Amino acid sequence: MMADHNKRVLNFIEEITSNANEIQNRVLAEILSQNTNVEYLQRHGIDGRTDKETFKKLIPVIDYEYIKEDIDRIVNGDTSPILCSKPITEFYSSSATSSGESKLIPSTEDGLAKRLLCFSLLDPVIDQFTPGFSRVAMAFATSGGV
């Protein structure tokens, strides 16, 4: 039973990764379209454009510190569309980095569903090499109520 499920999942992964470039371009366009009015994209002048070339030209590669003030605003309860048009419903904490501090990673309700899908796809892959492997996640509330 489990072997059949794992085989179906592995086949699905193979199918969706065979057109990765096309899928990535479509997903980027969807993300930009859904988030056209967020502060972060407005600051960089994306102006509703959804193509990869404009995105690469206008949106810099950043580190966490670049958006830390934005994340802090959300942590402290600001519900305006700062980084995302959908409400931030939870934060994830990264493991401690070289600076010794964890980083808060904002997430939406949709993000949770996508992570759950990804985790369900991981199990058959991991099971090939480490049968019975188990993952553990932690959740917490911020001072801003998220």
Protein backbone atom coordinates (compact mmCIF):
# COMPACT_ATOMS: atom_id res chain seq x y z
CA MET A 1 0.00 0.00 0.00
CA MET A 2 2.60 2.54 1.11
CA ALA A 3 4.89 1.48 -1.73
CA ASP A 4 2.14 2.21 -4.29
CA HIS A 5 1.48 5.62 -2.73
CA ASN A 6 5.18 6.47 -2.71
CA LYS A 7 5.52 5.38 -6.34
CA ARG A 8 2.58 7.63 -7.38
CA VAL A 9 4.09 10.58 -5.51
CA LEU A 10 7.54 10.03 -7.02
CA ASN A 11 5.99 9.85 -10.51
CA PHE A 12 4.10 13.09 -9.80
CA ILE A 13 7.33 14.80 -8.75
CA GLU A 14 9.01 13.63 -11.95
CA GLU A 15 6.13 14.98 -14.06
CA ILE A 16 6.01 18.44 -12.47
CA THR A 17 9.78 18.89 -12.53
CA SER A 18 10.09 18.08 -16.22
CA ASN A 19 8.66 21.55 -17.08
CA ALA A 20 10.17 23.43 -14.16
CA ASN A 21 11.10 26.61 -16.07
CA GLU A 22 7.61 27.05 -17.50
CA ILE A 23 6.00 26.37 -14.12
CA GLN A 24 8.36 28.77 -12.32
CA ASN A 25 7.58 31.58 -14.78
CA ARG A 26 3.84 30.99 -14.36
CA VAL A 27 4.10 30.88 -10.55
CA LEU A 28 6.17 34.09 -10.49
CA ALA A 29 3.58 35.86 -12.67
CA GLU A 30 0.78 34.67 -10.35
CA ILE A 31 2.63 35.83 -7.24
CA LEU A 32 3.38 39.25 -8.74
CA SER A 33 -0.18 39.64 -10.01
CA GLN A 34 -1.68 38.77 -6.61
CA ASN A 35 0.72 41.07 -4.77
CA THR A 36 0.91 44.05 -7.11
CA ASN A 37 -0.12 46.52 -4.39
CA VAL A 38 2.13 45.41 -1.56
CA GLU A 39 4.52 48.00 -0.16
CA TYR A 40 7.67 46.01 -0.90
CA LEU A 41 6.95 45.68 -4.63
CA GLN A 42 5.76 49.30 -4.86
CA ARG A 43 9.03 50.50 -3.29
CA HIS A 44 10.90 48.84 -6.16
CA GLY A 45 8.63 50.16 -8.92
CA ILE A 46 7.27 46.87 -10.26
CA ASP A 47 4.01 48.73 -11.16
CA GLY A 48 1.90 45.64 -11.83
CA ARG A 49 4.33 44.00 -14.25
CA THR A 50 4.49 40.23 -13.91
CA ASP A 51 7.27 39.12 -16.26
CA LYS A 52 10.51 37.52 -15.10
CA GLU A 53 12.77 40.02 -16.88
CA THR A 54 11.24 43.04 -15.11
CA PHE A 55 11.30 41.20 -11.80
CA LYS A 56 15.00 40.37 -12.19
CA LYS A 57 15.78 43.97 -13.19
CA LEU A 58 13.86 45.71 -10.38
CA ILE A 59 13.80 43.40 -7.38
CA PRO A 60 17.17 42.97 -5.69
CA VAL A 61 18.54 39.77 -4.21
CA ILE A 62 18.38 40.49 -0.50
CA ASP A 63 19.24 39.13 2.88
CA TYR A 64 17.01 39.01 5.94
CA GLU A 65 18.24 42.32 7.33
CA TYR A 66 16.94 44.11 4.22
CA ILE A 67 13.32 43.33 5.16
CA LYS A 68 13.71 42.96 8.95
CA GLU A 69 11.94 46.28 9.62
CA ASP A 70 9.02 45.11 7.48
CA ILE A 71 8.87 41.81 9.35
CA ASP A 72 9.08 43.61 12.69
CA ARG A 73 6.08 45.76 11.70
CA ILE A 74 4.08 42.62 10.97
CA VAL A 75 5.24 40.94 14.21
CA ASN A 76 4.05 44.00 16.11
CA GLY A 77 0.56 43.82 14.61
CA ASP A 78 0.65 45.92 11.40
CA THR A 79 -1.88 44.24 9.10
CA SER A 80 -1.32 46.42 6.02
CA PRO A 81 -0.07 44.64 2.87
CA ILE A 82 3.65 45.08 3.48
CA LEU A 83 5.17 41.93 1.97
CA CYS A 84 2.05 40.06 0.87
CA SER A 85 -1.51 40.93 -0.12
CA LYS A 86 -2.90 38.11 2.02
CA PRO A 87 -2.91 38.32 5.81
CA ILE A 88 0.11 36.93 7.60
CA THR A 89 -1.35 34.21 9.82
CA GLU A 90 1.78 32.74 11.35
CA PHE A 91 5.53 32.95 11.58
CA TYR A 92 8.11 30.22 11.40
CA SER A 93 11.41 30.49 13.17
CA SER A 94 14.59 29.56 11.36
CA SER A 95 17.26 27.66 13.18
CA ALA A 96 19.91 29.90 14.66
CA THR A 97 22.25 31.30 12.03
CA SER A 98 25.89 32.36 12.12
CA SER A 99 24.74 35.52 13.94
CA GLY A 100 23.28 33.29 16.66
CA GLU A 101 19.72 34.59 16.20
CA SER A 102 16.72 32.89 14.69
CA LYS A 103 14.86 34.66 11.92
CA LEU A 104 11.08 34.98 11.73
CA ILE A 105 9.60 33.84 8.43
CA PRO A 106 6.08 35.17 7.76
CA SER A 107 3.48 32.85 6.27
CA THR A 108 -0.12 32.99 5.07
CA GLU A 109 -2.91 30.45 5.30
CA ASP A 110 -2.20 29.49 1.67
CA GLY A 111 1.44 29.04 2.59
CA LEU A 112 0.50 26.46 5.18
CA ALA A 113 -1.41 24.41 2.61
CA LYS A 114 1.54 24.58 0.19
CA ARG A 115 4.01 23.54 2.89
CA LEU A 116 1.79 20.61 3.82
CA LEU A 117 1.74 19.55 0.17
CA CYS A 118 5.53 19.82 0.00
CA PHE A 119 5.92 17.81 3.19
CA SER A 120 3.63 15.12 1.78
CA LEU A 121 5.88 14.96 -1.28
CA LEU A 122 9.00 14.74 0.86
CA ASP A 123 8.00 11.63 2.74
CA PRO A 124 8.29 9.20 -0.21
CA VAL A 125 11.65 10.71 -1.19
CA ILE A 126 13.03 10.53 2.34
CA ASP A 127 11.57 7.07 2.84
CA GLN A 128 13.75 5.76 0.01
CA PHE A 129 16.87 6.53 2.03
CA THR A 130 15.69 6.70 5.66
CA PRO A 131 12.62 4.53 6.24
CA GLY A 132 10.46 5.76 9.13
CA PHE A 133 12.09 9.21 9.36
CA SER A 134 9.92 11.70 11.32
CA ARG A 135 9.91 15.51 11.19
CA VAL A 136 8.87 17.83 14.06
CA ALA A 137 7.78 21.49 13.76
CA MET A 138 7.10 24.14 16.39
CA ALA A 139 4.58 26.99 16.33
CA PHE A 140 4.33 30.08 18.55
CA ALA A 141 2.47 33.40 18.82
CA THR A 142 4.07 36.85 18.40
CA SER A 143 3.43 39.92 20.52
CA GLY A 144 1.31 41.29 17.65
CA GLY A 145 -1.05 38.32 17.89
CA VAL A 146 0.09 36.30 14.87
